[in-house]
Every structure is written in C-alpha cells, then in structure tokens.
C-alpha cells in the first residue's frame, strides 16, 4: 500500500494529469492511513468534484475544514 505521504503525492500527480478516478483511489488509500489530514480530505473533495460527485465532494470539504478551520486552501 505505501505510506500516506507517497500515496498522496501519487494521487496529486494523477489529479494533475486529469485522471480523477485514479487520483481518488490514491487519496482514499492515504486517508485510511492518515484520516486527520485536512489536505487529503480537500484533494479527495476536489477529485470528487471533478467527477461530478458534488454531494460527496462537499462532505470532504467540510471534513477538511472541521480538521483545520483556518485552512486557506480548502475548496
């Protein structure tokens, strides 16, 4: 599986390439290892939003802000 940070980095790379479904998979794997990471929740939300899964994306963005209310990068 790998560590959360390497999974997150791979997910961000896939996201940048427009491979949102693949990126989402990596973000979900990383969250299993680090569920308190606001950036991970935010990126998962961005991937879901890109896939048109808006309700799920909103839940992720809210979770990100719940973990870090001062996060200026939260979508």
PDB file of N, CA and C in Angstrom:
ATOM      1  N   UNK A   1       0.834  -1.200   0.000  1.00  0.00           N
ATOM      2  CA  UNK A   1       0.000   0.000   0.000  1.00  0.00           C
ATOM      3  C   UNK A   1       0.870   1.251   0.000  1.00  0.00           C
ATOM      4  N   UNK A   2       1.896   1.306   0.839  1.00  0.00           N
ATOM      5  CA  UNK A   2       2.731   2.503   0.904  1.00  0.00           C
ATOM      6  C   UNK A   2       2.324   3.400   2.054  1.00  0.00           C
ATOM      7  N   UNK A   3       3.115   4.428   2.268  1.00  0.00           N
ATOM      8  CA  UNK A   3       2.775   5.361   3.336  1.00  0.00           C
ATOM      9  C   UNK A   3       1.853   6.455   2.800  1.00  0.00           C
ATOM     10  N   UNK A   4       1.185   7.121   3.718  1.00  0.00           N
ATOM     11  CA  UNK A   4       0.172   8.112   3.347  1.00  0.00           C
ATOM     12  C   UNK A   4       0.740   9.213   2.462  1.00  0.00           C
ATOM     13  N   UNK A   5       1.942   9.677   2.784  1.00  0.00           N
ATOM     14  CA  UNK A   5       2.517  10.792   2.024  1.00  0.00           C
ATOM     15  C   UNK A   5       2.818  10.396   0.579  1.00  0.00           C
ATOM     16  N   UNK A   6       3.367   9.207   0.366  1.00  0.00           N
ATOM     17  CA  UNK A   6       3.669   8.791  -1.011  1.00  0.00           C
ATOM     18  C   UNK A   6       2.383   8.527  -1.798  1.00  0.00           C
ATOM     19  N   UNK A   7       1.369   7.998  -1.120  1.00  0.00           N
ATOM     20  CA  UNK A   7       0.071   7.810  -1.783  1.00  0.00           C
ATOM     21  C   UNK A   7      -0.536   9.161  -2.158  1.00  0.00           C
ATOM     22  N   UNK A   8      -0.413  10.126  -1.264  1.00  0.00           N
ATOM     23  CA  UNK A   8      -0.933  11.468  -1.505  1.00  0.00           C
ATOM     24  C   UNK A   8      -0.225  12.102  -2.707  1.00  0.00           C
ATOM     25  N   UNK A   9       1.101  11.973  -2.743  1.00  0.00           N
ATOM     26  CA  UNK A   9       1.867  12.546  -3.852  1.00  0.00           C
ATOM     27  C   UNK A   9       1.485  11.902  -5.188  1.00  0.00           C
ATOM     28  N   UNK A  10       1.317  10.583  -5.195  1.00  0.00           N
ATOM     29  CA  UNK A  10       0.911   9.888  -6.423  1.00  0.00           C
ATOM     30  C   UNK A  10      -0.482  10.355  -6.843  1.00  0.00           C
ATOM     31  N   UNK A  11      -1.377  10.497  -5.877  1.00  0.00           N
ATOM     32  CA  UNK A  11      -2.718  10.984  -6.168  1.00  0.00           C
ATOM     33  C   UNK A  11      -2.707  12.385  -6.758  1.00  0.00           C
ATOM     34  N   UNK A  12      -1.873  13.270  -6.202  1.00  0.00           N
ATOM     35  CA  UNK A  12      -1.783  14.632  -6.729  1.00  0.00           C
ATOM     36  C   UNK A  12      -1.252  14.629  -8.156  1.00  0.00           C
ATOM     37  N   UNK A  13      -0.311  13.760  -8.429  1.00  0.00           N
ATOM     38  CA  UNK A  13       0.243  13.655  -9.781  1.00  0.00           C
ATOM     39  C   UNK A  13      -0.832  13.195 -10.776  1.00  0.00           C
ATOM     40  N   UNK A  14      -1.576  12.189 -10.391  1.00  0.00           N
ATOM     41  CA  UNK A  14      -2.661  11.690 -11.253  1.00  0.00           C
ATOM     42  C   UNK A  14      -3.737  12.756 -11.441  1.00  0.00           C
ATOM     43  N   UNK A  15      -4.050  13.475 -10.376  1.00  0.00           N
ATOM     44  CA  UNK A  15      -5.041  14.552 -10.441  1.00  0.00           C
ATOM     45  C   UNK A  15      -4.604  15.602 -11.457  1.00  0.00           C
ATOM     46  N   UNK A  16      -3.333  15.983 -11.401  1.00  0.00           N
ATOM     47  CA  UNK A  16      -2.793  16.989 -12.320  1.00  0.00           C
ATOM     48  C   UNK A  16      -2.875  16.526 -13.775  1.00  0.00           C
ATOM     49  N   UNK A  17      -2.838  15.215 -13.986  1.00  0.00           N
ATOM     50  CA  UNK A  17      -2.944  14.657 -15.333  1.00  0.00           C
ATOM     51  C   UNK A  17      -4.402  14.505 -15.779  1.00  0.00           C
ATOM     52  N   UNK A  18      -5.331  14.833 -14.883  1.00  0.00           N
ATOM     53  CA  UNK A  18      -6.742  14.710 -15.222  1.00  0.00           C
ATOM     54  C   UNK A  18      -7.299  13.316 -15.016  1.00  0.00           C
ATOM     55  N   UNK A  19      -6.561  12.473 -14.332  1.00  0.00           N
ATOM     56  CA  UNK A  19      -7.006  11.102 -14.062  1.00  0.00           C
ATOM     57  C   UNK A  19      -7.669  11.070 -12.681  1.00  0.00           C
ATOM     58  N   UNK A  20      -8.862  11.651 -12.624  1.00  0.00           N
ATOM     59  CA  UNK A  20      -9.527  11.907 -11.348  1.00  0.00           C
ATOM     60  C   UNK A  20      -9.949  10.633 -10.621  1.00  0.00           C
ATOM     61  N   UNK A  21     -10.430   9.637 -11.341  1.00  0.00           N
ATOM     62  CA  UNK A  21     -10.843   8.383 -10.711  1.00  0.00           C
ATOM     63  C   UNK A  21      -9.638   7.689 -10.074  1.00  0.00           C
ATOM     64  N   UNK A  22      -8.520   7.662 -10.788  1.00  0.00           N
ATOM     65  CA  UNK A  22      -7.301   7.057 -10.257  1.00  0.00           C
ATOM     66  C   UNK A  22      -6.770   7.853  -9.066  1.00  0.00           C
ATOM     67  N   UNK A  23      -6.788   9.167  -9.183  1.00  0.00           N
ATOM     68  CA  UNK A  23      -6.335  10.024  -8.086  1.00  0.00           C
ATOM     69  C   UNK A  23      -7.183   9.790  -6.844  1.00  0.00           C
ATOM     70  N   UNK A  24      -8.481   9.691  -7.035  1.00  0.00           N
ATOM     71  CA  UNK A  24      -9.400   9.457  -5.922  1.00  0.00           C
ATOM     72  C   UNK A  24      -9.031   8.181  -5.180  1.00  0.00           C
ATOM     73  N   UNK A  25      -8.697   7.145  -5.911  1.00  0.00           N
ATOM     74  CA  UNK A  25      -8.308   5.880  -5.300  1.00  0.00           C
ATOM     75  C   UNK A  25      -7.090   6.056  -4.390  1.00  0.00           C
ATOM     76  N   UNK A  26      -6.108   6.805  -4.849  1.00  0.00           N
ATOM     77  CA  UNK A  26      -4.916   7.047  -4.036  1.00  0.00           C
ATOM     78  C   UNK A  26      -5.231   7.900  -2.815  1.00  0.00           C
ATOM     79  N   UNK A  27      -6.076   8.910  -2.984  1.00  0.00           N
ATOM     80  CA  UNK A  27      -6.448   9.741  -1.839  1.00  0.00           C
ATOM     81  C   UNK A  27      -7.198   8.916  -0.793  1.00  0.00           C
ATOM     82  N   UNK A  28      -8.067   8.023  -1.249  1.00  0.00           N
ATOM     83  CA  UNK A  28      -8.812   7.182  -0.308  1.00  0.00           C
ATOM     84  C   UNK A  28      -7.880   6.234   0.442  1.00  0.00           C
ATOM     85  N   UNK A  29      -6.903   5.666  -0.258  1.00  0.00           N
ATOM     86  CA  UNK A  29      -5.928   4.793   0.403  1.00  0.00           C
ATOM     87  C   UNK A  29      -5.117   5.571   1.442  1.00  0.00           C
ATOM     88  N   UNK A  30      -4.714   6.778   1.087  1.00  0.00           N
ATOM     89  CA  UNK A  30      -3.942   7.610   2.007  1.00  0.00           C
ATOM     90  C   UNK A  30      -4.766   7.974   3.239  1.00  0.00           C
ATOM     91  N   UNK A  31      -6.047   8.237   3.042  1.00  0.00           N
ATOM     92  CA  UNK A  31      -6.916   8.587   4.165  1.00  0.00           C
ATOM     93  C   UNK A  31      -7.103   7.419   5.134  1.00  0.00           C
ATOM     94  N   UNK A  32      -6.998   6.199   4.638  1.00  0.00           N
ATOM     95  CA  UNK A  32      -7.061   5.044   5.541  1.00  0.00           C
ATOM     96  C   UNK A  32      -5.892   5.059   6.517  1.00  0.00           C
ATOM     97  N   UNK A  33      -4.794   5.642   6.103  1.00  0.00           N
ATOM     98  CA  UNK A  33      -3.593   5.700   6.936  1.00  0.00           C
ATOM     99  C   UNK A  33      -3.478   7.005   7.727  1.00  0.00           C
ATOM    100  N   UNK A  34      -4.123   8.057   7.242  1.00  0.00           N
ATOM    101  CA  UNK A  34      -3.998   9.379   7.861  1.00  0.00           C
ATOM    102  C   UNK A  34      -5.314  10.142   7.716  1.00  0.00           C
ATOM    103  N   UNK A  35      -6.285   9.757   8.513  1.00  0.00           N
ATOM    104  CA  UNK A  35      -7.632  10.337   8.377  1.00  0.00           C
ATOM    105  C   UNK A  35      -7.754  11.740   8.963  1.00  0.00           C
ATOM    106  N   UNK A  36      -6.709  12.232   9.605  1.00  0.00           N
ATOM    107  CA  UNK A  36      -6.749  13.576  10.204  1.00  0.00           C
ATOM    108  C   UNK A  36      -6.013  14.611   9.349  1.00  0.00           C
ATOM    109  N   UNK A  37      -5.764  14.272   8.098  1.00  0.00           N
ATOM    110  CA  UNK A  37      -5.022  15.163   7.205  1.00  0.00           C
ATOM    111  C   UNK A  37      -6.012  15.999   6.390  1.00  0.00           C
ATOM    112  N   UNK A  38      -6.094  17.280   6.718  1.00  0.00           N
ATOM    113  CA  UNK A  38      -7.045  18.175   6.051  1.00  0.00           C
ATOM    114  C   UNK A  38      -6.762  18.284   4.553  1.00  0.00           C
ATOM    115  N   UNK A  39      -5.477  18.304   4.170  1.00  0.00           N
ATOM    116  CA  UNK A  39      -5.129  18.409   2.751  1.00  0.00           C
ATOM    117  C   UNK A  39      -5.629  17.206   1.960  1.00  0.00           C
ATOM    118  N   UNK A  40      -5.539  16.037   2.564  1.00  0.00           N
ATOM    119  CA  UNK A  40      -6.034  14.827   1.900  1.00  0.00           C
ATOM    120  C   UNK A  40      -7.544  14.905   1.669  1.00  0.00           C
ATOM    121  N   UNK A  41      -8.269  15.333   2.692  1.00  0.00           N
ATOM    122  CA  UNK A  41      -9.724  15.468   2.538  1.00  0.00           C
ATOM    123  C   UNK A  41     -10.062  16.489   1.457  1.00  0.00           C
ATOM    124  N   UNK A  42      -9.300  17.568   1.412  1.00  0.00           N
ATOM    125  CA  UNK A  42      -9.535  18.609   0.422  1.00  0.00           C
ATOM    126  C   UNK A  42      -9.297  18.073  -0.999  1.00  0.00           C
ATOM    127  N   UNK A  43      -8.188  17.341  -1.179  1.00  0.00           N
ATOM    128  CA  UNK A  43      -7.883  16.804  -2.512  1.00  0.00           C
ATOM    129  C   UNK A  43      -8.892  15.733  -2.918  1.00  0.00           C
ATOM    130  N   UNK A  44      -9.317  14.920  -1.949  1.00  0.00           N
ATOM    131  CA  UNK A  44     -10.353  13.928  -2.264  1.00  0.00           C
ATOM    132  C   UNK A  44     -11.613  14.647  -2.726  1.00  0.00           C
ATOM    133  N   UNK A  45     -11.961  15.738  -2.043  1.00  0.00           N
ATOM    134  CA  UNK A  45     -13.118  16.526  -2.443  1.00  0.00           C
ATOM    135  C   UNK A  45     -12.972  17.102  -3.834  1.00  0.00           C
ATOM    136  N   UNK A  46     -11.772  17.574  -4.149  1.00  0.00           N
ATOM    137  CA  UNK A  46     -11.525  18.139  -5.479  1.00  0.00           C
ATOM    138  C   UNK A  46     -11.668  17.066  -6.555  1.00  0.00           C
ATOM    139  N   UNK A  47     -11.185  15.859  -6.267  1.00  0.00           N
ATOM    140  CA  UNK A  47     -11.314  14.766  -7.233  1.00  0.00           C
ATOM    141  C   UNK A  47     -12.783  14.399  -7.425  1.00  0.00           C
ATOM    142  N   UNK A  48     -13.516  14.314  -6.333  1.00  0.00           N
ATOM    143  CA  UNK A  48     -14.946  14.005  -6.431  1.00  0.00           C
ATOM    144  C   UNK A  48     -15.695  15.091  -7.200  1.00  0.00           C
ATOM    145  N   UNK A  49     -15.359  16.345  -6.932  1.00  0.00           N
ATOM    146  CA  UNK A  49     -15.988  17.456  -7.653  1.00  0.00           C
ATOM    147  C   UNK A  49     -15.710  17.346  -9.149  1.00  0.00           C
ATOM    148  N   UNK A  50     -14.482  16.997  -9.492  1.00  0.00           N
ATOM    149  CA  UNK A  50     -14.114  16.852 -10.897  1.00  0.00           C
ATOM    150  C   UNK A  50     -14.854  15.710 -11.574  1.00  0.00           C
ATOM    151  N   UNK A  51     -15.296  14.746 -10.777  1.00  0.00           N
ATOM    152  CA  UNK A  51     -16.057  13.609 -11.300  1.00  0.00           C
ATOM    153  C   UNK A  51     -17.564  13.879 -11.278  1.00  0.00           C
ATOM    154  N   UNK A  52     -17.955  15.079 -10.842  1.00  0.00           N
ATOM    155  CA  UNK A  52     -19.373  15.438 -10.795  1.00  0.00           C
ATOM    156  C   UNK A  52     -20.105  14.881  -9.589  1.00  0.00           C
ATOM    157  N   UNK A  53     -19.368  14.409  -8.603  1.00  0.00           N
ATOM    158  CA  UNK A  53     -19.960  13.836  -7.389  1.00  0.00           C
ATOM    159  C   UNK A  53     -19.963  14.917  -6.300  1.00  0.00           C
ATOM    160  N   UNK A  54     -20.838  15.900  -6.500  1.00  0.00           N
ATOM    161  CA  UNK A  54     -20.804  17.130  -5.719  1.00  0.00           C
ATOM    162  C   UNK A  54     -21.178  16.959  -4.252  1.00  0.00           C
ATOM    163  N   UNK A  55     -22.158  16.130  -3.944  1.00  0.00           N
ATOM    164  CA  UNK A  55     -22.543  15.942  -2.547  1.00  0.00           C
ATOM    165  C   UNK A  55     -21.408  15.318  -1.748  1.00  0.00           C
ATOM    166  N   UNK A  56     -20.764  14.311  -2.324  1.00  0.00           N
ATOM    167  CA  UNK A  56     -19.636  13.670  -1.654  1.00  0.00           C
ATOM    168  C   UNK A  56     -18.467  14.644  -1.519  1.00  0.00           C
ATOM    169  N   UNK A  57     -18.249  15.452  -2.550  1.00  0.00           N
ATOM    170  CA  UNK A  57     -17.171  16.444  -2.511  1.00  0.00           C
ATOM    171  C   UNK A  57     -17.399  17.428  -1.372  1.00  0.00           C
ATOM    172  N   UNK A  58     -18.626  17.896  -1.233  1.00  0.00           N
ATOM    173  CA  UNK A  58     -18.947  18.851  -0.174  1.00  0.00           C
ATOM    174  C   UNK A  58     -18.671  18.250   1.201  1.00  0.00           C
ATOM    175  N   UNK A  59     -19.003  16.975   1.381  1.00  0.00           N
ATOM    176  CA  UNK A  59     -18.722  16.302   2.651  1.00  0.00           C
ATOM    177  C   UNK A  59     -17.217  16.305   2.939  1.00  0.00           C
ATOM    178  N   UNK A  60     -16.417  16.067   1.919  1.00  0.00           N
ATOM    179  CA  UNK A  60     -14.961  16.060   2.091  1.00  0.00           C
ATOM    180  C   UNK A  60     -14.438  17.448   2.425  1.00  0.00           C
ATOM    181  N   UNK A  61     -14.937  18.465   1.737  1.00  0.00           N
ATOM    182  CA  UNK A  61     -14.506  19.835   2.028  1.00  0.00           C
ATOM    183  C   UNK A  61     -14.878  20.224   3.455  1.00  0.00           C
ATOM    184  N   UNK A  62     -16.069  19.830   3.891  1.00  0.00           N
ATOM    185  CA  UNK A  62     -16.495  20.117   5.256  1.00  0.00           C
ATOM    186  C   UNK A  62     -15.609  19.397   6.269  1.00  0.00           C
ATOM    187  N   UNK A  63     -15.247  18.146   5.965  1.00  0.00           N
ATOM    188  CA  UNK A  63     -14.366  17.382   6.849  1.00  0.00           C
ATOM    189  C   UNK A  63     -13.003  18.063   6.934  1.00  0.00           C
ATOM    190  N   UNK A  64     -12.494  18.545   5.801  1.00  0.00           N
ATOM    191  CA  UNK A  64     -11.221  19.250   5.776  1.00  0.00           C
ATOM    192  C   UNK A  64     -11.266  20.474   6.691  1.00  0.00           C
ATOM    193  N   UNK A  65     -12.337  21.240   6.596  1.00  0.00           N
ATOM    194  CA  UNK A  65     -12.472  22.437   7.417  1.00  0.00           C
ATOM    195  C   UNK A  65     -12.722  22.109   8.883  1.00  0.00           C
ATOM    196  N   UNK A  66     -13.350  20.976   9.134  1.00  0.00           N
ATOM    197  CA  UNK A  66     -13.565  20.532  10.518  1.00  0.00           C
ATOM    198  C   UNK A  66     -12.207  20.235  11.176  1.00  0.00           C
ATOM    199  N   UNK A  67     -11.297  19.628  10.425  1.00  0.00           N
ATOM    200  CA  UNK A  67      -9.963  19.306  10.938  1.00  0.00           C
ATOM    201  C   UNK A  67      -9.121  20.562  11.074  1.00  0.00           C
ATOM    202  N   UNK A  68      -9.185  21.432  10.072  1.00  0.00           N
ATOM    203  CA  UNK A  68      -8.381  22.655  10.080  1.00  0.00           C
ATOM    204  C   UNK A  68      -9.228  23.836   9.613  1.00  0.00           C
ATOM    205  N   UNK A  69      -9.947  24.475  10.572  1.00  0.00           N
ATOM    206  CA  UNK A  69     -10.847  25.583  10.218  1.00  0.00           C
ATOM    207  C   UNK A  69     -10.158  26.776   9.570  1.00  0.00           C
ATOM    208  N   UNK A  70      -8.857  26.902   9.761  1.00  0.00           N
ATOM    209  CA  UNK A  70      -8.137  28.047   9.183  1.00  0.00           C
ATOM    210  C   UNK A  70      -7.494  27.724   7.849  1.00  0.00           C
ATOM    211  N   UNK A  71      -7.808  26.576   7.274  1.00  0.00           N
ATOM    212  CA  UNK A  71      -7.192  26.148   6.017  1.00  0.00           C
ATOM    213  C   UNK A  71      -7.612  27.076   4.884  1.00  0.00           C
ATOM    214  N   UNK A  72      -6.673  27.828   4.372  1.00  0.00           N
ATOM    215  CA  UNK A  72      -6.971  28.770   3.280  1.00  0.00           C
ATOM    216  C   UNK A  72      -7.029  28.087   1.927  1.00  0.00           C
ATOM    217  N   UNK A  73      -6.549  26.841   1.861  1.00  0.00           N
ATOM    218  CA  UNK A  73      -6.553  26.105   0.607  1.00  0.00           C
ATOM    219  C   UNK A  73      -7.804  25.251   0.433  1.00  0.00           C
ATOM    220  N   UNK A  74      -8.647  25.221   1.450  1.00  0.00           N
ATOM    221  CA  UNK A  74      -9.849  24.406   1.359  1.00  0.00           C
ATOM    222  C   UNK A  74     -10.728  24.898   0.218  1.00  0.00           C
ATOM    223  N   UNK A  75     -11.181  23.967  -0.578  1.00  0.00           N
ATOM    224  CA  UNK A  75     -12.026  24.340  -1.712  1.00  0.00           C
ATOM    225  C   UNK A  75     -13.377  24.633  -1.187  1.00  0.00           C
TER     226      UNK A  75
END
